[in-house]
Amino acid sequence: MSGVFRQRVEQQLYKRRRPVLSVVATSPSVTDVNTDEIILDGEAGVTFAYSNYVSTPTDADIIVSGVTAKTAGTSFSAGAGTGSFSVPDVSAYASTTAGAPFTTASHAASVEISVAAETDSLAITYNPAANWAVFEVSSVSNVEGSFSENFTGAVPDTSQVLCPDDINITATGMIQTDRTTNADCQYWDATLETWQQFTIEIELTGFLLLMQNHSRFSGVHNL
């Protein structure tokens, strides 16, 4: 084997043995929400952490079953990869308001951090505040004793009712309570994707349901 030929063979073998270098792109990632991934209705100062965003994020939203609940007071610390926001206070809504439901059997929640095309989300639990309870309802009949007794239309399945926690709403929408004072509650319509306030007025002979901005609510319900 001539020296020139041997040199060419050795060069070809060397080229084949050289490692192939590849660049693995990193994807945006939401790594933490509130330490335990639990947020509450009306909670202020919810913290979150993120990494691998090329640009500083601009939006932090609560997403439940594809429905967005816009946060307030959102701030981002680009260098640290952290931020914070406040959760909407559904219990305080006085008029019909678009929004997302809480975490229940049919509704899974996440927090989504995004800027332009960069986005990621982390699964969370979205709960009512202390002293409140949320109930998912389906197969609701507009009968006496139901929160929908005087509806003119059907309650969509997987809708929700938010009430003080000394009121119970059964899976089919029946009201159960020993309260002696009125209670403001909220109803989430799974079709309209809105929250609407109504009041359970306690009377000696029953309770009266009044719903603001919703013509389907009115009437006396006997206990």
N, C-alpha and C. Protein backbone atom coordinates (compact mmCIF):
# COMPACT_ATOMS: atom_id res chain seq x y z
N MET A 1 0.88 -1.20 0.00
CA MET A 1 0.00 0.00 0.00
C MET A 1 0.90 1.22 0.00
N SER A 2 0.70 2.10 -0.95
CA SER A 2 1.54 3.29 -1.04
C SER A 2 1.23 4.24 0.11
N GLY A 3 2.18 5.10 0.38
CA GLY A 3 1.99 6.06 1.47
C GLY A 3 0.83 6.99 1.22
N VAL A 4 0.66 7.42 -0.03
CA VAL A 4 -0.42 8.35 -0.36
C VAL A 4 -1.78 7.67 -0.18
N PHE A 5 -1.90 6.43 -0.67
CA PHE A 5 -3.15 5.71 -0.57
C PHE A 5 -3.52 5.47 0.91
N ARG A 6 -2.48 5.06 1.73
CA ARG A 6 -2.72 4.80 3.15
C ARG A 6 -3.20 6.06 3.86
N GLN A 7 -2.63 7.19 3.49
CA GLN A 7 -3.02 8.45 4.11
C GLN A 7 -4.47 8.79 3.81
N ARG A 8 -4.89 8.52 2.55
CA ARG A 8 -6.27 8.80 2.19
C ARG A 8 -7.24 7.90 2.95
N VAL A 9 -6.89 6.64 3.10
CA VAL A 9 -7.74 5.69 3.85
C VAL A 9 -7.87 6.13 5.30
N GLU A 10 -6.74 6.51 5.89
CA GLU A 10 -6.77 6.94 7.29
C GLU A 10 -7.60 8.20 7.45
N GLN A 11 -7.55 9.12 6.49
CA GLN A 11 -8.34 10.35 6.56
C GLN A 11 -9.84 10.02 6.49
N GLN A 12 -10.20 9.06 5.59
CA GLN A 12 -11.61 8.69 5.48
C GLN A 12 -12.10 8.03 6.76
N LEU A 13 -11.29 7.17 7.37
CA LEU A 13 -11.69 6.52 8.63
C LEU A 13 -11.84 7.55 9.74
N TYR A 14 -10.96 8.54 9.76
CA TYR A 14 -11.03 9.58 10.79
C TYR A 14 -12.31 10.38 10.64
N LYS A 15 -12.67 10.70 9.39
CA LYS A 15 -13.88 11.46 9.15
C LYS A 15 -15.11 10.68 9.63
N ARG A 16 -15.13 9.37 9.41
CA ARG A 16 -16.26 8.55 9.82
C ARG A 16 -16.37 8.45 11.34
N ARG A 17 -15.21 8.52 12.03
CA ARG A 17 -15.22 8.36 13.48
C ARG A 17 -15.56 9.65 14.22
N ARG A 18 -15.54 10.80 13.55
CA ARG A 18 -15.79 12.05 14.24
C ARG A 18 -17.22 12.09 14.77
N PRO A 19 -17.40 12.49 16.01
CA PRO A 19 -18.76 12.54 16.58
C PRO A 19 -19.62 13.59 15.88
N VAL A 20 -20.89 13.28 15.79
CA VAL A 20 -21.84 14.21 15.20
C VAL A 20 -22.43 15.06 16.32
N LEU A 21 -22.26 16.35 16.23
CA LEU A 21 -22.76 17.26 17.24
C LEU A 21 -24.16 17.71 16.87
N SER A 22 -25.08 17.65 17.84
CA SER A 22 -26.46 18.10 17.59
C SER A 22 -26.87 19.09 18.67
N VAL A 23 -27.70 20.02 18.29
CA VAL A 23 -28.21 21.02 19.23
C VAL A 23 -29.65 20.68 19.57
N VAL A 24 -29.91 20.44 20.83
CA VAL A 24 -31.26 20.11 21.29
C VAL A 24 -31.94 21.40 21.75
N ALA A 25 -33.02 21.76 21.09
CA ALA A 25 -33.73 22.98 21.45
C ALA A 25 -34.50 22.76 22.76
N THR A 26 -34.45 23.73 23.63
CA THR A 26 -35.20 23.66 24.87
C THR A 26 -36.55 24.33 24.69
N SER A 27 -37.56 23.77 25.30
CA SER A 27 -38.92 24.29 25.17
C SER A 27 -39.30 25.10 26.39
N PRO A 28 -40.18 26.09 26.22
CA PRO A 28 -40.67 26.84 27.38
C PRO A 28 -41.30 25.89 28.39
N SER A 29 -41.14 26.19 29.67
CA SER A 29 -41.65 25.30 30.70
C SER A 29 -42.15 26.09 31.91
N VAL A 30 -43.38 25.79 32.35
CA VAL A 30 -43.89 26.31 33.62
C VAL A 30 -43.57 25.26 34.68
N THR A 31 -42.80 25.64 35.67
CA THR A 31 -42.27 24.66 36.63
C THR A 31 -42.94 24.66 37.99
N ASP A 32 -43.67 25.74 38.31
CA ASP A 32 -44.29 25.79 39.64
C ASP A 32 -45.41 26.83 39.66
N VAL A 33 -46.47 26.53 40.42
CA VAL A 33 -47.52 27.50 40.69
C VAL A 33 -47.87 27.40 42.18
N ASN A 34 -47.56 28.47 42.91
CA ASN A 34 -47.94 28.57 44.33
C ASN A 34 -47.37 27.46 45.19
N THR A 35 -46.27 26.88 44.78
CA THR A 35 -45.57 25.80 45.50
C THR A 35 -46.31 24.48 45.45
N ASP A 36 -47.62 24.49 45.75
CA ASP A 36 -48.39 23.24 45.82
C ASP A 36 -49.36 23.06 44.66
N GLU A 37 -49.30 23.97 43.67
CA GLU A 37 -50.19 23.90 42.50
C GLU A 37 -51.66 23.97 42.87
N ILE A 38 -51.97 24.72 43.93
CA ILE A 38 -53.36 24.97 44.34
C ILE A 38 -53.58 26.48 44.42
N ILE A 39 -54.65 26.97 43.77
CA ILE A 39 -55.00 28.37 43.87
C ILE A 39 -56.45 28.49 44.33
N LEU A 40 -56.78 29.63 44.93
CA LEU A 40 -58.11 29.84 45.50
C LEU A 40 -58.80 31.04 44.85
N ASP A 41 -60.11 30.98 44.83
CA ASP A 41 -60.90 32.09 44.32
C ASP A 41 -60.53 33.38 45.05
N GLY A 42 -60.23 34.43 44.30
CA GLY A 42 -59.92 35.72 44.90
C GLY A 42 -58.55 35.83 45.53
N GLU A 43 -57.70 34.82 45.38
CA GLU A 43 -56.39 34.82 46.04
C GLU A 43 -55.44 35.81 45.36
N ALA A 44 -54.77 36.62 46.17
CA ALA A 44 -53.78 37.57 45.66
C ALA A 44 -52.38 37.02 45.90
N GLY A 45 -51.44 37.44 45.05
CA GLY A 45 -50.05 37.05 45.26
C GLY A 45 -49.73 35.60 44.95
N VAL A 46 -50.46 35.00 44.01
CA VAL A 46 -50.12 33.65 43.57
C VAL A 46 -48.79 33.70 42.83
N THR A 47 -47.85 32.88 43.22
CA THR A 47 -46.52 32.89 42.60
C THR A 47 -46.39 31.76 41.58
N PHE A 48 -45.51 31.97 40.61
CA PHE A 48 -45.23 30.93 39.63
C PHE A 48 -43.79 31.04 39.17
N ALA A 49 -43.28 29.95 38.58
CA ALA A 49 -41.91 29.92 38.06
C ALA A 49 -41.92 29.31 36.67
N TYR A 50 -40.98 29.77 35.84
CA TYR A 50 -40.91 29.30 34.46
C TYR A 50 -39.47 29.33 33.98
N SER A 51 -39.20 28.65 32.87
CA SER A 51 -37.84 28.63 32.32
C SER A 51 -37.90 28.42 30.81
N ASN A 52 -36.76 28.71 30.16
CA ASN A 52 -36.55 28.45 28.73
C ASN A 52 -37.43 29.28 27.79
N TYR A 53 -37.89 30.43 28.26
CA TYR A 53 -38.58 31.36 27.36
C TYR A 53 -37.54 32.31 26.76
N VAL A 54 -37.55 32.45 25.44
CA VAL A 54 -36.62 33.36 24.79
C VAL A 54 -36.96 34.80 25.14
N SER A 55 -38.26 35.12 25.12
CA SER A 55 -38.73 36.45 25.48
C SER A 55 -39.42 36.40 26.85
N THR A 56 -39.46 37.53 27.51
CA THR A 56 -40.15 37.60 28.79
C THR A 56 -41.65 37.39 28.58
N PRO A 57 -42.28 36.45 29.30
CA PRO A 57 -43.72 36.22 29.14
C PRO A 57 -44.53 37.48 29.43
N THR A 58 -45.70 37.54 28.81
CA THR A 58 -46.58 38.70 28.99
C THR A 58 -47.94 38.33 29.57
N ASP A 59 -48.28 37.03 29.53
CA ASP A 59 -49.61 36.62 29.99
C ASP A 59 -49.51 35.41 30.91
N ALA A 60 -50.34 35.43 31.95
CA ALA A 60 -50.51 34.29 32.85
C ALA A 60 -52.01 34.11 33.03
N ASP A 61 -52.54 33.02 32.52
CA ASP A 61 -53.98 32.79 32.54
C ASP A 61 -54.32 31.48 33.22
N ILE A 62 -55.50 31.46 33.84
CA ILE A 62 -56.06 30.22 34.38
C ILE A 62 -56.95 29.63 33.28
N ILE A 63 -56.69 28.39 32.91
CA ILE A 63 -57.45 27.73 31.86
C ILE A 63 -58.17 26.52 32.47
N VAL A 64 -59.49 26.49 32.33
CA VAL A 64 -60.27 25.36 32.85
C VAL A 64 -61.20 24.87 31.75
N SER A 65 -61.02 23.62 31.37
CA SER A 65 -61.83 23.03 30.29
C SER A 65 -61.85 23.92 29.05
N GLY A 66 -60.69 24.50 28.74
CA GLY A 66 -60.58 25.34 27.56
C GLY A 66 -61.12 26.75 27.72
N VAL A 67 -61.63 27.08 28.90
CA VAL A 67 -62.18 28.41 29.17
C VAL A 67 -61.16 29.20 29.98
N THR A 68 -60.96 30.47 29.62
CA THR A 68 -59.94 31.29 30.27
C THR A 68 -60.52 32.16 31.37
N ALA A 69 -59.84 32.18 32.51
CA ALA A 69 -60.13 33.15 33.57
C ALA A 69 -58.95 34.11 33.61
N LYS A 70 -59.17 35.36 33.20
CA LYS A 70 -58.09 36.33 33.14
C LYS A 70 -57.64 36.72 34.54
N THR A 71 -56.33 36.67 34.76
CA THR A 71 -55.77 37.06 36.04
C THR A 71 -55.58 38.58 36.08
N ALA A 72 -55.28 39.09 37.26
CA ALA A 72 -55.06 40.53 37.43
C ALA A 72 -53.72 40.76 38.11
N GLY A 73 -53.17 41.96 37.91
CA GLY A 73 -51.94 42.34 38.59
C GLY A 73 -50.77 41.44 38.28
N THR A 74 -50.73 40.89 37.06
CA THR A 74 -49.67 39.94 36.70
C THR A 74 -48.33 40.65 36.54
N SER A 75 -47.29 40.08 37.12
CA SER A 75 -45.95 40.64 36.98
C SER A 75 -44.96 39.52 36.69
N PHE A 76 -43.88 39.85 35.97
CA PHE A 76 -42.86 38.88 35.60
C PHE A 76 -41.49 39.43 35.98
N SER A 77 -40.64 38.55 36.53
CA SER A 77 -39.25 38.88 36.81
C SER A 77 -38.40 38.09 35.83
N ALA A 78 -38.02 38.74 34.73
CA ALA A 78 -37.37 38.04 33.63
C ALA A 78 -36.09 37.32 34.06
N GLY A 79 -35.27 38.00 34.83
CA GLY A 79 -34.00 37.40 35.22
C GLY A 79 -34.17 36.18 36.11
N ALA A 80 -35.16 36.22 37.00
CA ALA A 80 -35.35 35.12 37.95
C ALA A 80 -36.26 34.03 37.41
N GLY A 81 -37.02 34.33 36.35
CA GLY A 81 -37.95 33.34 35.83
C GLY A 81 -39.12 33.09 36.77
N THR A 82 -39.57 34.15 37.43
CA THR A 82 -40.69 34.02 38.37
C THR A 82 -41.70 35.14 38.11
N GLY A 83 -42.85 35.02 38.73
CA GLY A 83 -43.87 36.05 38.61
C GLY A 83 -44.98 35.81 39.59
N SER A 84 -46.02 36.65 39.51
CA SER A 84 -47.17 36.51 40.41
C SER A 84 -48.41 37.09 39.74
N PHE A 85 -49.58 36.70 40.26
CA PHE A 85 -50.84 37.25 39.77
C PHE A 85 -51.90 37.10 40.84
N SER A 86 -53.04 37.76 40.61
CA SER A 86 -54.20 37.63 41.49
C SER A 86 -55.31 36.90 40.76
N VAL A 87 -56.04 36.08 41.50
CA VAL A 87 -57.11 35.27 40.93
C VAL A 87 -58.42 36.06 40.97
N PRO A 88 -59.24 35.98 39.91
CA PRO A 88 -60.55 36.67 39.96
C PRO A 88 -61.36 36.20 41.16
N ASP A 89 -62.19 37.10 41.71
CA ASP A 89 -63.04 36.78 42.86
C ASP A 89 -64.45 36.50 42.36
N VAL A 90 -64.72 35.25 42.01
CA VAL A 90 -66.02 34.88 41.47
C VAL A 90 -67.13 35.14 42.48
N SER A 91 -66.87 34.90 43.74
CA SER A 91 -67.91 35.04 44.77
C SER A 91 -68.43 36.47 44.87
N ALA A 92 -67.65 37.45 44.38
CA ALA A 92 -68.04 38.86 44.49
C ALA A 92 -68.71 39.39 43.23
N TYR A 93 -68.86 38.58 42.19
CA TYR A 93 -69.47 39.08 40.96
C TYR A 93 -70.91 39.52 41.23
N ALA A 94 -71.22 40.74 40.81
CA ALA A 94 -72.58 41.27 41.01
C ALA A 94 -73.39 41.27 39.73
N SER A 95 -72.76 40.97 38.61
CA SER A 95 -73.46 40.92 37.33
C SER A 95 -72.88 39.78 36.50
N THR A 96 -73.55 39.45 35.42
CA THR A 96 -73.11 38.35 34.57
C THR A 96 -71.70 38.62 34.07
N THR A 97 -70.80 37.65 34.28
CA THR A 97 -69.39 37.83 33.96
C THR A 97 -68.84 36.57 33.31
N ALA A 98 -68.18 36.74 32.18
CA ALA A 98 -67.54 35.60 31.53
C ALA A 98 -66.41 35.08 32.40
N GLY A 99 -66.27 33.78 32.46
CA GLY A 99 -65.20 33.22 33.27
C GLY A 99 -65.17 31.71 33.23
N ALA A 100 -64.20 31.15 33.92
CA ALA A 100 -63.98 29.71 33.91
C ALA A 100 -64.57 29.07 35.17
N PRO A 101 -64.90 27.79 35.10
CA PRO A 101 -65.39 27.08 36.28
C PRO A 101 -64.24 26.72 37.21
N PHE A 102 -64.59 26.15 38.35
CA PHE A 102 -63.58 25.65 39.28
C PHE A 102 -63.24 24.20 38.94
N THR A 103 -62.22 23.67 39.60
CA THR A 103 -61.87 22.26 39.41
C THR A 103 -62.96 21.38 40.03
N THR A 104 -63.60 20.58 39.20
CA THR A 104 -64.54 19.56 39.67
C THR A 104 -64.34 18.34 38.79
N ALA A 105 -65.20 17.34 38.94
CA ALA A 105 -64.99 16.07 38.24
C ALA A 105 -64.84 16.22 36.74
N SER A 106 -65.59 17.13 36.15
CA SER A 106 -65.57 17.29 34.69
C SER A 106 -64.67 18.41 34.21
N HIS A 107 -64.05 19.12 35.12
CA HIS A 107 -63.30 20.33 34.74
C HIS A 107 -61.89 20.31 35.33
N ALA A 108 -60.89 20.19 34.46
CA ALA A 108 -59.49 20.20 34.86
C ALA A 108 -58.90 21.58 34.59
N ALA A 109 -58.01 22.03 35.49
CA ALA A 109 -57.48 23.39 35.41
C ALA A 109 -55.96 23.39 35.21
N SER A 110 -55.47 24.48 34.65
CA SER A 110 -54.04 24.69 34.51
C SER A 110 -53.75 26.18 34.51
N VAL A 111 -52.49 26.53 34.73
CA VAL A 111 -52.02 27.90 34.56
C VAL A 111 -51.13 27.93 33.32
N GLU A 112 -51.43 28.82 32.41
CA GLU A 112 -50.69 28.94 31.15
C GLU A 112 -49.89 30.23 31.14
N ILE A 113 -48.58 30.12 30.86
CA ILE A 113 -47.69 31.26 30.76
C ILE A 113 -47.29 31.40 29.29
N SER A 114 -47.43 32.60 28.72
CA SER A 114 -47.19 32.72 27.29
C SER A 114 -46.65 34.09 26.90
N VAL A 115 -46.02 34.11 25.74
CA VAL A 115 -45.64 35.32 25.04
C VAL A 115 -45.51 34.95 23.57
N ALA A 116 -46.29 35.60 22.72
CA ALA A 116 -46.30 35.27 21.29
C ALA A 116 -46.52 33.77 21.12
N ALA A 117 -45.59 33.10 20.39
CA ALA A 117 -45.76 31.67 20.12
C ALA A 117 -45.19 30.79 21.23
N GLU A 118 -44.55 31.38 22.21
CA GLU A 118 -43.98 30.59 23.32
C GLU A 118 -45.02 30.41 24.41
N THR A 119 -45.34 29.17 24.72
CA THR A 119 -46.36 28.93 25.74
C THR A 119 -46.17 27.57 26.39
N ASP A 120 -46.52 27.49 27.65
CA ASP A 120 -46.55 26.21 28.35
C ASP A 120 -47.55 26.35 29.49
N SER A 121 -47.97 25.21 30.03
CA SER A 121 -48.94 25.24 31.13
C SER A 121 -48.60 24.17 32.14
N LEU A 122 -49.13 24.34 33.34
CA LEU A 122 -48.93 23.38 34.43
C LEU A 122 -50.28 23.10 35.07
N ALA A 123 -50.59 21.82 35.25
CA ALA A 123 -51.86 21.44 35.86
C ALA A 123 -51.94 21.93 37.30
N ILE A 124 -53.10 22.46 37.68
CA ILE A 124 -53.31 22.98 39.03
C ILE A 124 -54.68 22.53 39.53
N THR A 125 -54.96 22.84 40.79
CA THR A 125 -56.30 22.71 41.35
C THR A 125 -56.81 24.11 41.66
N TYR A 126 -57.99 24.43 41.14
CA TYR A 126 -58.59 25.76 41.28
C TYR A 126 -59.81 25.60 42.17
N ASN A 127 -59.70 26.08 43.41
CA ASN A 127 -60.73 25.86 44.43
C ASN A 127 -61.42 27.15 44.85
N PRO A 128 -62.64 27.04 45.43
CA PRO A 128 -63.26 28.19 46.07
C PRO A 128 -62.43 28.65 47.27
N ALA A 129 -62.69 29.86 47.73
CA ALA A 129 -62.04 30.38 48.93
C ALA A 129 -62.61 29.69 50.17
N ALA A 130 -61.98 29.92 51.30
CA ALA A 130 -62.48 29.37 52.57
C ALA A 130 -63.92 29.81 52.80
N ASN A 131 -64.71 28.92 53.34
CA ASN A 131 -66.12 29.15 53.68
C ASN A 131 -67.04 29.16 52.47
N TRP A 132 -66.52 28.72 51.33
CA TRP A 132 -67.32 28.57 50.12
C TRP A 132 -67.20 27.15 49.59
N ALA A 133 -68.19 26.72 48.84
CA ALA A 133 -68.18 25.38 48.24
C ALA A 133 -68.73 25.45 46.82
N VAL A 134 -68.18 24.62 45.96
CA VAL A 134 -68.65 24.57 44.57
C VAL A 134 -69.25 23.20 44.29
N PHE A 135 -70.31 23.18 43.50
CA PHE A 135 -71.01 21.95 43.19
C PHE A 135 -71.20 21.85 41.68
N GLU A 136 -70.81 20.72 41.11
CA GLU A 136 -71.08 20.45 39.70
C GLU A 136 -72.44 19.76 39.60
N VAL A 137 -73.27 20.21 38.67
CA VAL A 137 -74.61 19.66 38.55
C VAL A 137 -74.85 19.16 37.13
N SER A 138 -75.61 18.08 37.03
CA SER A 138 -76.01 17.52 35.74
C SER A 138 -77.39 16.88 35.90
N SER A 139 -78.06 16.66 34.80
CA SER A 139 -79.40 16.06 34.80
C SER A 139 -80.33 16.81 35.75
N VAL A 140 -80.24 18.12 35.73
CA VAL A 140 -81.04 18.96 36.63
C VAL A 140 -82.47 19.07 36.09
N SER A 141 -83.43 18.89 36.99
CA SER A 141 -84.84 19.09 36.64
C SER A 141 -85.32 20.36 37.30
N ASN A 142 -86.13 21.14 36.58
CA ASN A 142 -86.64 22.40 37.12
C ASN A 142 -87.87 22.14 37.99
N VAL A 143 -87.61 21.48 39.11
CA VAL A 143 -88.69 21.08 40.00
C VAL A 143 -88.59 21.85 41.31
N GLU A 144 -89.63 21.79 42.12
CA GLU A 144 -89.63 22.47 43.41
C GLU A 144 -88.46 22.00 44.27
N GLY A 145 -87.76 22.95 44.86
CA GLY A 145 -86.61 22.64 45.70
C GLY A 145 -85.29 22.68 44.97
N SER A 146 -85.33 22.77 43.63
CA SER A 146 -84.10 22.90 42.85
C SER A 146 -83.75 24.37 42.69
N PHE A 147 -82.44 24.66 42.59
CA PHE A 147 -82.06 26.06 42.37
C PHE A 147 -82.57 26.55 41.01
N SER A 148 -82.94 25.64 40.12
CA SER A 148 -83.41 26.02 38.78
C SER A 148 -84.92 25.88 38.64
N GLU A 149 -85.65 25.84 39.76
CA GLU A 149 -87.09 25.58 39.71
C GLU A 149 -87.83 26.48 38.73
N ASN A 150 -87.44 27.74 38.65
CA ASN A 150 -88.17 28.68 37.80
C ASN A 150 -87.43 29.03 36.52
N PHE A 151 -86.49 28.19 36.12
CA PHE A 151 -85.84 28.38 34.83
C PHE A 151 -86.85 28.13 33.71
N THR A 152 -86.70 28.84 32.64
CA THR A 152 -87.51 28.57 31.46
C THR A 152 -86.78 27.65 30.48
N GLY A 153 -85.52 27.38 30.77
CA GLY A 153 -84.73 26.47 29.93
C GLY A 153 -83.94 25.52 30.78
N ALA A 154 -83.31 24.56 30.14
CA ALA A 154 -82.57 23.53 30.87
C ALA A 154 -81.22 24.04 31.37
N VAL A 155 -80.78 23.49 32.49
CA VAL A 155 -79.43 23.75 33.00
C VAL A 155 -78.47 22.81 32.27
N PRO A 156 -77.46 23.34 31.59
CA PRO A 156 -76.52 22.46 30.88
C PRO A 156 -75.79 21.53 31.85
N ASP A 157 -75.56 20.32 31.44
CA ASP A 157 -74.78 19.39 32.26
C ASP A 157 -73.39 19.94 32.50
N THR A 158 -72.83 19.61 33.65
CA THR A 158 -71.51 20.04 34.16
C THR A 158 -71.45 21.52 34.49
N SER A 159 -72.62 22.18 34.61
CA SER A 159 -72.65 23.55 35.13
C SER A 159 -72.26 23.50 36.61
N GLN A 160 -72.03 24.67 37.20
CA GLN A 160 -71.60 24.72 38.61
C GLN A 160 -72.41 25.74 39.40
N VAL A 161 -72.50 25.49 40.71
CA VAL A 161 -73.10 26.43 41.64
C VAL A 161 -72.10 26.68 42.76
N LEU A 162 -71.81 27.95 43.04
CA LEU A 162 -70.90 28.36 44.12
C LEU A 162 -71.71 28.99 45.22
N CYS A 163 -71.63 28.44 46.44
CA CYS A 163 -72.43 28.92 47.57
C CYS A 163 -71.59 28.95 48.84
N PRO A 164 -72.04 29.70 49.86
CA PRO A 164 -71.44 29.54 51.18
C PRO A 164 -71.48 28.07 51.59
N ASP A 165 -70.49 27.63 52.35
CA ASP A 165 -70.37 26.19 52.59
C ASP A 165 -71.35 25.60 53.59
N ASP A 166 -72.31 26.40 54.08
CA ASP A 166 -73.38 25.81 54.89
C ASP A 166 -74.62 25.54 54.02
N ILE A 167 -74.44 25.62 52.71
CA ILE A 167 -75.48 25.23 51.75
C ILE A 167 -74.94 24.08 50.93
N ASN A 168 -75.76 23.07 50.71
CA ASN A 168 -75.38 21.95 49.85
C ASN A 168 -76.29 21.93 48.63
N ILE A 169 -75.68 21.75 47.47
CA ILE A 169 -76.42 21.56 46.23
C ILE A 169 -76.14 20.14 45.76
N THR A 170 -77.17 19.32 45.62
CA THR A 170 -76.96 17.94 45.20
C THR A 170 -76.52 17.89 43.74
N ALA A 171 -76.10 16.71 43.31
CA ALA A 171 -75.60 16.54 41.95
C ALA A 171 -76.65 16.85 40.90
N THR A 172 -77.94 16.81 41.30
CA THR A 172 -79.02 17.15 40.36
C THR A 172 -79.65 18.50 40.67
N GLY A 173 -78.97 19.32 41.50
CA GLY A 173 -79.39 20.70 41.68
C GLY A 173 -80.33 21.01 42.82
N MET A 174 -80.60 20.05 43.71
CA MET A 174 -81.52 20.30 44.83
C MET A 174 -80.79 21.03 45.96
N ILE A 175 -81.49 22.01 46.57
CA ILE A 175 -80.91 22.82 47.64
C ILE A 175 -81.17 22.16 48.99
N GLN A 176 -80.11 22.09 49.81
CA GLN A 176 -80.21 21.58 51.17
C GLN A 176 -79.48 22.55 52.10
N THR A 177 -80.19 23.10 53.09
CA THR A 177 -79.55 24.03 54.01
C THR A 177 -80.35 24.20 55.29
N ASP A 178 -79.65 24.51 56.38
CA ASP A 178 -80.27 24.87 57.65
C ASP A 178 -80.06 26.35 57.95
N ARG A 179 -79.64 27.12 56.98
CA ARG A 179 -79.40 28.55 57.18
C ARG A 179 -80.68 29.25 57.61
N THR A 180 -80.49 30.35 58.33
CA THR A 180 -81.63 31.19 58.71
C THR A 180 -81.48 32.60 58.14
N THR A 181 -80.44 32.81 57.36
CA THR A 181 -80.22 34.12 56.73
C THR A 181 -80.02 33.92 55.22
N ASN A 182 -80.22 34.99 54.48
CA ASN A 182 -80.09 34.93 53.03
C ASN A 182 -78.65 34.61 52.62
N ALA A 183 -78.48 34.10 51.40
CA ALA A 183 -77.15 33.78 50.89
C ALA A 183 -77.04 34.16 49.42
N ASP A 184 -76.01 34.92 49.09
CA ASP A 184 -75.70 35.21 47.69
C ASP A 184 -74.85 34.07 47.14
N CYS A 185 -75.26 33.53 46.00
CA CYS A 185 -74.55 32.43 45.35
C CYS A 185 -74.23 32.81 43.91
N GLN A 186 -73.47 31.96 43.23
CA GLN A 186 -73.11 32.17 41.84
C GLN A 186 -73.41 30.90 41.04
N TYR A 187 -73.89 31.09 39.82
CA TYR A 187 -74.20 29.98 38.92
C TYR A 187 -73.35 30.11 37.67
N TRP A 188 -72.60 29.04 37.31
CA TRP A 188 -71.82 29.02 36.08
C TRP A 188 -72.55 28.18 35.05
N ASP A 189 -72.91 28.81 33.94
CA ASP A 189 -73.62 28.14 32.86
C ASP A 189 -72.59 27.53 31.91
N ALA A 190 -72.61 26.20 31.78
CA ALA A 190 -71.59 25.51 30.99
C ALA A 190 -71.71 25.77 29.49
N THR A 191 -72.85 26.26 29.05
CA THR A 191 -73.01 26.61 27.64
C THR A 191 -72.59 28.05 27.38
N LEU A 192 -73.07 28.97 28.21
CA LEU A 192 -72.74 30.39 28.04
C LEU A 192 -71.34 30.73 28.54
N GLU A 193 -70.79 29.87 29.43
CA GLU A 193 -69.48 30.09 30.05
C GLU A 193 -69.44 31.42 30.77
N THR A 194 -70.50 31.68 31.54
CA THR A 194 -70.60 32.90 32.35
C THR A 194 -71.01 32.56 33.77
N TRP A 195 -70.58 33.42 34.69
CA TRP A 195 -71.03 33.36 36.08
C TRP A 195 -72.16 34.38 36.27
N GLN A 196 -73.20 33.97 37.01
CA GLN A 196 -74.34 34.85 37.26
C GLN A 196 -74.75 34.73 38.72
N GLN A 197 -74.91 35.87 39.36
CA GLN A 197 -75.25 35.87 40.79
C GLN A 197 -76.73 35.62 41.00
N PHE A 198 -77.06 34.87 42.05
CA PHE A 198 -78.44 34.75 42.50
C PHE A 198 -78.44 34.68 44.02
N THR A 199 -79.59 34.95 44.61
CA THR A 199 -79.72 35.00 46.07
C THR A 199 -80.73 33.97 46.55
N ILE A 200 -80.35 33.21 47.55
CA ILE A 200 -81.30 32.34 48.24
C ILE A 200 -81.80 33.13 49.45
N GLU A 201 -83.07 33.55 49.43
CA GLU A 201 -83.66 34.29 50.54
C GLU A 201 -84.41 33.32 51.45
N ILE A 202 -83.98 33.26 52.68
CA ILE A 202 -84.57 32.35 53.66
C ILE A 202 -85.83 32.97 54.24
N GLU A 203 -86.95 32.22 54.21
CA GLU A 203 -88.22 32.67 54.79
C GLU A 203 -88.73 31.58 55.73
N LEU A 204 -89.72 31.95 56.56
CA LEU A 204 -90.25 30.99 57.52
C LEU A 204 -90.88 29.79 56.82
N THR A 205 -91.43 30.02 55.64
CA THR A 205 -92.13 28.95 54.94
C THR A 205 -91.34 28.39 53.78
N GLY A 206 -90.14 28.88 53.56
CA GLY A 206 -89.36 28.36 52.45
C GLY A 206 -88.24 29.30 52.09
N PHE A 207 -87.82 29.27 50.86
CA PHE A 207 -86.75 30.16 50.43
C PHE A 207 -87.06 30.67 49.04
N LEU A 208 -86.63 31.89 48.81
CA LEU A 208 -86.92 32.58 47.56
C LEU A 208 -85.64 32.73 46.76
N LEU A 209 -85.66 32.33 45.51
CA LEU A 209 -84.49 32.46 44.64
C LEU A 209 -84.65 33.70 43.77
N LEU A 210 -83.70 34.58 43.86
CA LEU A 210 -83.69 35.77 43.01
C LEU A 210 -82.38 35.79 42.26
N MET A 211 -82.44 36.00 40.97
CA MET A 211 -81.21 36.06 40.19
C MET A 211 -81.11 37.39 39.49
N GLN A 212 -80.00 38.08 39.73
CA GLN A 212 -79.78 39.36 39.09
C GLN A 212 -79.39 39.13 37.64
N ASN A 213 -79.99 39.93 36.76
CA ASN A 213 -79.66 39.89 35.35
C ASN A 213 -79.92 38.53 34.71
N HIS A 214 -80.89 37.80 35.21
CA HIS A 214 -81.20 36.51 34.63
C HIS A 214 -82.69 36.25 34.78
N SER A 215 -83.44 36.35 33.71
CA SER A 215 -84.90 36.30 33.77
C SER A 215 -85.43 34.93 34.14
N ARG A 216 -84.56 33.91 34.14
CA ARG A 216 -85.06 32.57 34.41
C ARG A 216 -85.20 32.28 35.90
N PHE A 217 -84.77 33.19 36.77
CA PHE A 217 -84.83 32.96 38.21
C PHE A 217 -85.90 33.83 38.86
N SER A 218 -86.76 33.23 39.67
CA SER A 218 -87.70 33.92 40.54
C SER A 218 -88.61 32.86 41.14
N GLY A 219 -89.27 33.20 42.22
CA GLY A 219 -90.25 32.27 42.77
C GLY A 219 -89.91 31.81 44.18
N VAL A 220 -90.92 31.33 44.88
CA VAL A 220 -90.78 30.84 46.26
C VAL A 220 -90.66 29.33 46.23
N HIS A 221 -89.72 28.82 47.03
CA HIS A 221 -89.51 27.37 47.13
C HIS A 221 -89.80 26.95 48.56
N ASN A 222 -90.77 26.08 48.77
CA ASN A 222 -91.13 25.65 50.11
C ASN A 222 -90.18 24.56 50.60
N LEU A 223 -89.82 24.64 51.87
CA LEU A 223 -88.95 23.62 52.45
C LEU A 223 -89.76 22.39 52.83
